[in-house]
């Protein structure tokens, strides 16, 4: 019995020595961490950053609104977020004096801070790229505000 055990151990040792260690062990470099994909768009004039969920990264692009579209809506700045040929949502920024014109045009007030307002017009058929009400509420980050805080 002892001979059989010694024979098994002797035969098993060369196989155990040739096994490769897992990545990162024994001085090998660990795999590089992938950066978290994010989608952000900055409105310098109004002083806010729009941060969408990671599922928008690489799929959605921002298209600034033309001056004719801005004049029609009453906004001072605006952007349309597009995936392919489909508009997902439109953000319009304005000052408090023009806020009524922006919301009377069928847009919903999303956030307000220090004399500026951001209104949104969302598409009803955005599919898996549609933002929930909670995601929209946390998407606008005003300059000087703590991350994650919402000002209404």
Protein backbone atom coordinates (compact mmCIF):
# COMPACT_ATOMS: atom_id res chain seq x y z
CA UNK A 1 0.00 0.00 0.00
CA UNK A 2 2.84 2.38 0.87
CA UNK A 3 4.52 1.55 -2.41
CA UNK A 4 1.35 2.37 -4.36
CA UNK A 5 0.96 5.70 -2.56
CA UNK A 6 4.60 6.61 -3.18
CA UNK A 7 4.22 5.68 -6.86
CA UNK A 8 1.11 7.88 -7.23
CA UNK A 9 2.86 10.80 -5.55
CA UNK A 10 5.95 10.37 -7.69
CA UNK A 11 3.92 10.32 -10.89
CA UNK A 12 1.78 13.31 -9.85
CA UNK A 13 4.63 15.67 -8.94
CA UNK A 14 5.83 16.42 -12.50
CA UNK A 15 2.27 17.30 -13.57
CA UNK A 16 1.73 19.65 -10.63
CA UNK A 17 5.01 21.48 -11.31
CA UNK A 18 4.05 22.20 -14.94
CA UNK A 19 0.68 23.79 -14.10
CA UNK A 20 0.61 27.53 -14.87
CA UNK A 21 -0.22 29.93 -12.03
CA UNK A 22 -3.34 32.09 -12.39
CA UNK A 23 -2.90 35.59 -13.89
CA UNK A 24 -1.59 38.09 -11.38
CA UNK A 25 0.13 35.47 -9.22
CA UNK A 26 3.88 35.10 -8.76
CA UNK A 27 4.86 38.54 -10.02
CA UNK A 28 2.85 38.54 -13.24
CA UNK A 29 1.10 41.78 -14.07
CA UNK A 30 -2.60 41.86 -13.28
CA UNK A 31 -4.96 42.55 -16.20
CA UNK A 32 -5.51 46.26 -16.83
CA UNK A 33 -8.76 47.62 -15.42
CA UNK A 34 -11.20 48.84 -18.04
CA UNK A 35 -12.40 52.41 -17.47
CA UNK A 36 -16.09 52.75 -16.72
CA UNK A 37 -17.94 53.91 -19.79
CA UNK A 38 -19.95 57.07 -19.24
CA UNK A 39 -21.97 59.53 -21.27
CA UNK A 40 -21.70 63.21 -20.39
CA UNK A 41 -22.63 66.41 -22.15
CA UNK A 42 -21.71 69.86 -20.83
CA UNK A 43 -23.68 73.10 -21.29
CA UNK A 44 -21.21 75.89 -20.49
CA UNK A 45 -23.74 78.70 -20.97
CA UNK A 46 -26.23 77.35 -18.43
CA UNK A 47 -23.61 75.83 -16.12
CA UNK A 48 -24.63 72.19 -15.91
CA UNK A 49 -23.50 68.75 -17.03
CA UNK A 50 -25.93 66.08 -18.24
CA UNK A 51 -24.83 62.60 -17.16
CA UNK A 52 -26.68 59.64 -18.69
CA UNK A 53 -26.45 55.98 -17.64
CA UNK A 54 -23.57 53.86 -19.02
CA UNK A 55 -25.91 52.17 -21.53
CA UNK A 56 -25.83 55.43 -23.54
CA UNK A 57 -22.03 55.35 -23.95
CA UNK A 58 -21.04 54.75 -27.55
CA UNK A 59 -24.67 54.60 -28.72
CA UNK A 60 -25.97 58.16 -28.29
CA UNK A 61 -24.58 61.40 -29.64
CA UNK A 62 -25.40 65.00 -28.78
CA UNK A 63 -26.54 67.34 -31.55
CA UNK A 64 -26.75 71.05 -30.60
CA UNK A 65 -30.00 72.71 -31.63
CA UNK A 66 -29.95 75.28 -34.42
CA UNK A 67 -30.76 78.88 -33.58
CA UNK A 68 -34.14 78.62 -35.36
CA UNK A 69 -35.13 75.71 -33.09
CA UNK A 70 -33.97 77.63 -30.02
CA UNK A 71 -35.91 80.75 -31.02
CA UNK A 72 -39.07 78.68 -31.56
CA UNK A 73 -38.78 77.07 -28.12
CA UNK A 74 -37.75 80.20 -26.19
CA UNK A 75 -34.57 78.55 -24.90
CA UNK A 76 -31.10 80.09 -24.81
CA UNK A 77 -29.31 76.77 -25.42
CA UNK A 78 -30.35 73.25 -26.23
CA UNK A 79 -29.28 69.83 -27.38
CA UNK A 80 -30.91 66.81 -28.96
CA UNK A 81 -29.67 63.34 -27.99
CA UNK A 82 -29.85 61.00 -30.95
CA UNK A 83 -29.32 57.25 -31.40
CA UNK A 84 -29.08 56.50 -35.11
CA UNK A 85 -31.90 58.51 -36.67
CA UNK A 86 -34.11 58.48 -33.57
CA UNK A 87 -34.22 61.47 -31.18
CA UNK A 88 -34.30 60.16 -27.61
CA UNK A 89 -34.75 63.45 -25.79
CA UNK A 90 -34.24 67.18 -26.09
CA UNK A 91 -32.81 69.35 -23.32
CA UNK A 92 -33.54 73.07 -23.34
CA UNK A 93 -31.87 75.57 -21.02
CA UNK A 94 -33.11 79.06 -20.32
CA UNK A 95 -33.12 81.74 -17.69
CA UNK A 96 -35.96 82.20 -15.22
CA UNK A 97 -37.47 85.03 -17.29
CA UNK A 98 -38.03 82.75 -20.31
CA UNK A 99 -38.91 79.61 -18.32
CA UNK A 100 -42.65 79.98 -18.96
CA UNK A 101 -42.12 80.11 -22.73
CA UNK A 102 -40.03 76.92 -22.60
CA UNK A 103 -42.55 74.97 -20.52
CA UNK A 104 -45.57 76.32 -22.44
CA UNK A 105 -44.09 74.78 -25.61
CA UNK A 106 -44.79 71.29 -24.20
CA UNK A 107 -41.53 70.70 -22.34
CA UNK A 108 -41.34 69.52 -18.74
CA UNK A 109 -39.15 71.34 -16.22
CA UNK A 110 -36.38 69.00 -15.15
CA UNK A 111 -34.19 71.13 -12.89
CA UNK A 112 -33.72 74.72 -11.75
CA UNK A 113 -30.71 76.43 -10.16
CA UNK A 114 -29.41 79.98 -9.66
CA UNK A 115 -31.60 81.69 -12.27
CA UNK A 116 -31.40 78.89 -14.88
CA UNK A 117 -33.86 76.18 -15.84
CA UNK A 118 -33.43 72.92 -17.75
CA UNK A 119 -36.50 71.49 -19.44
CA UNK A 120 -36.82 68.15 -21.18
CA UNK A 121 -38.88 66.73 -24.01
CA UNK A 122 -38.52 62.93 -24.09
CA UNK A 123 -39.47 60.59 -26.90
CA UNK A 124 -42.15 58.06 -26.01
CA UNK A 125 -40.57 55.20 -27.99
CA UNK A 126 -36.89 55.24 -27.00
CA UNK A 127 -36.77 51.51 -26.28
CA UNK A 128 -33.95 50.25 -24.04
CA UNK A 129 -32.22 53.67 -24.18
CA UNK A 130 -35.17 55.43 -22.53
CA UNK A 131 -34.38 57.09 -19.23
CA UNK A 132 -36.52 56.44 -16.18
CA UNK A 133 -37.85 59.35 -14.11
CA UNK A 134 -35.21 58.62 -11.45
CA UNK A 135 -32.40 58.64 -14.03
CA UNK A 136 -33.66 61.93 -15.45
CA UNK A 137 -33.91 63.47 -11.97
CA UNK A 138 -30.26 62.66 -11.28
CA UNK A 139 -28.91 63.43 -14.77
CA UNK A 140 -28.50 67.21 -14.42
CA UNK A 141 -25.52 68.27 -12.29
CA UNK A 142 -25.22 72.01 -11.74
CA UNK A 143 -21.85 73.68 -11.24
CA UNK A 144 -21.00 74.10 -7.58
CA UNK A 145 -23.49 71.48 -6.38
CA UNK A 146 -22.47 68.26 -4.64
CA UNK A 147 -22.56 65.14 -6.84
CA UNK A 148 -25.89 63.34 -6.58
CA UNK A 149 -27.81 66.34 -5.26
CA UNK A 150 -30.79 67.59 -7.21
CA UNK A 151 -32.03 71.17 -7.13
CA UNK A 152 -35.64 71.81 -7.98
